[in-house]
């Protein structure tokens, strides 16, 4: 196996995703075509009637969540409610790996404190 094998698989994955996306679009169009015009208009009326209320509710929810996060950051600890909890995670400690690796040349005993996690792969549009 070499990189060209992976390139071929990535191209096949893209084609598969593209076909799936087109099928999902075709399905949605067929569903819309199956809905009578009177029902579509009723749905549009309902959507319009609820739009502002839902936007207001969403904004209020985001505001409360932001407030909770700020409060928990100030407290510095997790807080549990009856149905939800706000979990406090302290800042992650990181080190300058290049600097530490260079320092470990002179002090190799530092390397016994190092651990290397498992590698991972994510597929992104690029």
Protein backbone atom coordinates (compact mmCIF):
# COMPACT_ATOMS: atom_id res chain seq x y z
CA UNK A 1 0.00 0.00 0.00
CA UNK A 2 1.15 3.53 -0.78
CA UNK A 3 -0.30 7.03 -0.82
CA UNK A 4 -1.83 6.50 -4.27
CA UNK A 5 -3.96 3.70 -2.81
CA UNK A 6 -5.26 6.13 -0.19
CA UNK A 7 -5.83 8.83 -2.83
CA UNK A 8 -7.92 6.34 -4.80
CA UNK A 9 -9.98 5.48 -1.71
CA UNK A 10 -10.44 9.19 -0.86
CA UNK A 11 -11.70 9.84 -4.39
CA UNK A 12 -14.08 6.85 -4.13
CA UNK A 13 -15.34 8.15 -0.76
CA UNK A 14 -15.97 11.59 -2.25
CA UNK A 15 -17.93 10.07 -5.14
CA UNK A 16 -19.96 7.95 -2.73
CA UNK A 17 -20.74 10.98 -0.55
CA UNK A 18 -21.69 13.00 -3.64
CA UNK A 19 -24.09 10.30 -4.87
CA UNK A 20 -25.64 9.96 -1.41
CA UNK A 21 -26.16 13.73 -1.23
CA UNK A 22 -27.88 13.71 -4.63
CA UNK A 23 -30.13 10.83 -3.57
CA UNK A 24 -31.09 12.71 -0.39
CA UNK A 25 -31.96 15.77 -2.52
CA UNK A 26 -34.03 13.65 -4.91
CA UNK A 27 -35.87 12.05 -1.97
CA UNK A 28 -36.69 15.48 -0.49
CA UNK A 29 -37.95 16.70 -3.88
CA UNK A 30 -40.16 13.62 -4.28
CA UNK A 31 -41.61 14.16 -0.80
CA UNK A 32 -42.34 17.81 -1.61
CA UNK A 33 -44.01 16.78 -4.89
CA UNK A 34 -46.21 14.30 -3.01
CA UNK A 35 -47.53 16.97 -0.62
CA UNK A 36 -50.64 18.73 -1.97
CA UNK A 37 -50.33 22.50 -2.51
CA UNK A 38 -52.90 23.26 0.21
CA UNK A 39 -50.89 21.28 2.76
CA UNK A 40 -47.64 22.99 1.70
CA UNK A 41 -49.27 26.42 2.20
CA UNK A 42 -50.57 25.37 5.62
CA UNK A 43 -47.06 24.21 6.60
CA UNK A 44 -45.56 27.53 5.41
CA UNK A 45 -48.14 29.43 7.50
CA UNK A 46 -47.33 27.36 10.58
CA UNK A 47 -43.56 27.80 10.00
CA UNK A 48 -43.99 31.59 9.70
CA UNK A 49 -46.15 31.76 12.83
CA UNK A 50 -43.56 29.88 14.91
CA UNK A 51 -40.38 31.42 13.42
CA UNK A 52 -40.13 34.48 15.69
CA UNK A 53 -41.10 32.57 18.84
CA UNK A 54 -38.48 29.90 18.14
CA UNK A 55 -35.77 32.49 17.38
CA UNK A 56 -36.56 34.28 20.64
CA UNK A 57 -36.46 31.01 22.57
CA UNK A 58 -33.17 30.02 20.96
CA UNK A 59 -31.61 33.40 21.77
CA UNK A 60 -32.82 33.16 25.38
CA UNK A 61 -31.41 29.63 25.68
CA UNK A 62 -28.02 30.71 24.32
CA UNK A 63 -27.98 33.67 26.72
CA UNK A 64 -28.73 31.50 29.76
CA UNK A 65 -26.12 28.94 28.70
CA UNK A 66 -23.50 31.68 28.29
CA UNK A 67 -24.38 33.04 31.74
CA UNK A 68 -24.06 29.59 33.31
CA UNK A 69 -20.67 29.03 31.70
CA UNK A 70 -19.37 32.36 32.98
CA UNK A 71 -20.67 31.62 36.49
CA UNK A 72 -19.09 28.14 36.56
CA UNK A 73 -15.79 29.55 35.29
CA UNK A 74 -15.85 32.02 38.21
CA UNK A 75 -16.70 29.26 40.70
CA UNK A 76 -14.02 26.97 39.29
CA UNK A 77 -16.06 23.83 39.93
CA UNK A 78 -18.79 21.72 38.32
CA UNK A 79 -22.40 22.33 39.35
CA UNK A 80 -25.22 19.82 39.04
CA UNK A 81 -28.87 20.84 38.60
CA UNK A 82 -31.93 18.60 38.65
CA UNK A 83 -31.67 17.71 34.95
CA UNK A 84 -28.44 19.28 33.68
CA UNK A 85 -24.96 19.82 34.95
CA UNK A 86 -22.29 22.33 34.06
CA UNK A 87 -18.98 20.50 34.04
CA UNK A 88 -15.91 22.58 34.82
CA UNK A 89 -12.74 21.47 33.09
CA UNK A 90 -9.56 23.23 34.14
CA UNK A 91 -7.29 24.59 31.43
CA UNK A 92 -5.26 21.92 29.71
CA UNK A 93 -1.56 21.95 30.49
CA UNK A 94 0.67 21.85 27.46
CA UNK A 95 4.40 22.02 26.98
CA UNK A 96 6.67 23.17 24.22
CA UNK A 97 7.50 19.71 22.89
CA UNK A 98 10.44 20.88 20.78
CA UNK A 99 11.97 22.69 23.74
CA UNK A 100 11.45 19.75 26.11
CA UNK A 101 12.84 17.29 23.53
CA UNK A 102 15.92 19.48 23.22
CA UNK A 103 16.24 19.69 26.99
CA UNK A 104 15.85 15.89 27.22
CA UNK A 105 19.02 15.46 25.16
CA UNK A 106 20.94 16.78 28.16
CA UNK A 107 18.57 15.21 30.72
CA UNK A 108 17.26 11.97 29.16
CA UNK A 109 15.59 10.94 32.45
CA UNK A 110 12.83 13.43 31.50
CA UNK A 111 11.70 11.06 28.74
CA UNK A 112 10.32 8.56 31.24
CA UNK A 113 7.57 11.10 32.01
CA UNK A 114 6.52 11.31 28.37
CA UNK A 115 3.68 9.32 26.89
CA UNK A 116 2.56 9.22 23.30
CA UNK A 117 -1.14 8.76 22.52
CA UNK A 118 -2.59 6.71 19.70
CA UNK A 119 -2.61 8.37 16.28
CA UNK A 120 -5.97 9.20 14.71
CA UNK A 121 -7.30 10.16 11.30
CA UNK A 122 -10.09 12.61 10.44
CA UNK A 123 -11.42 13.12 6.93
CA UNK A 124 -12.09 16.73 5.96
CA UNK A 125 -13.19 18.53 2.85
CA UNK A 126 -10.20 20.26 1.45
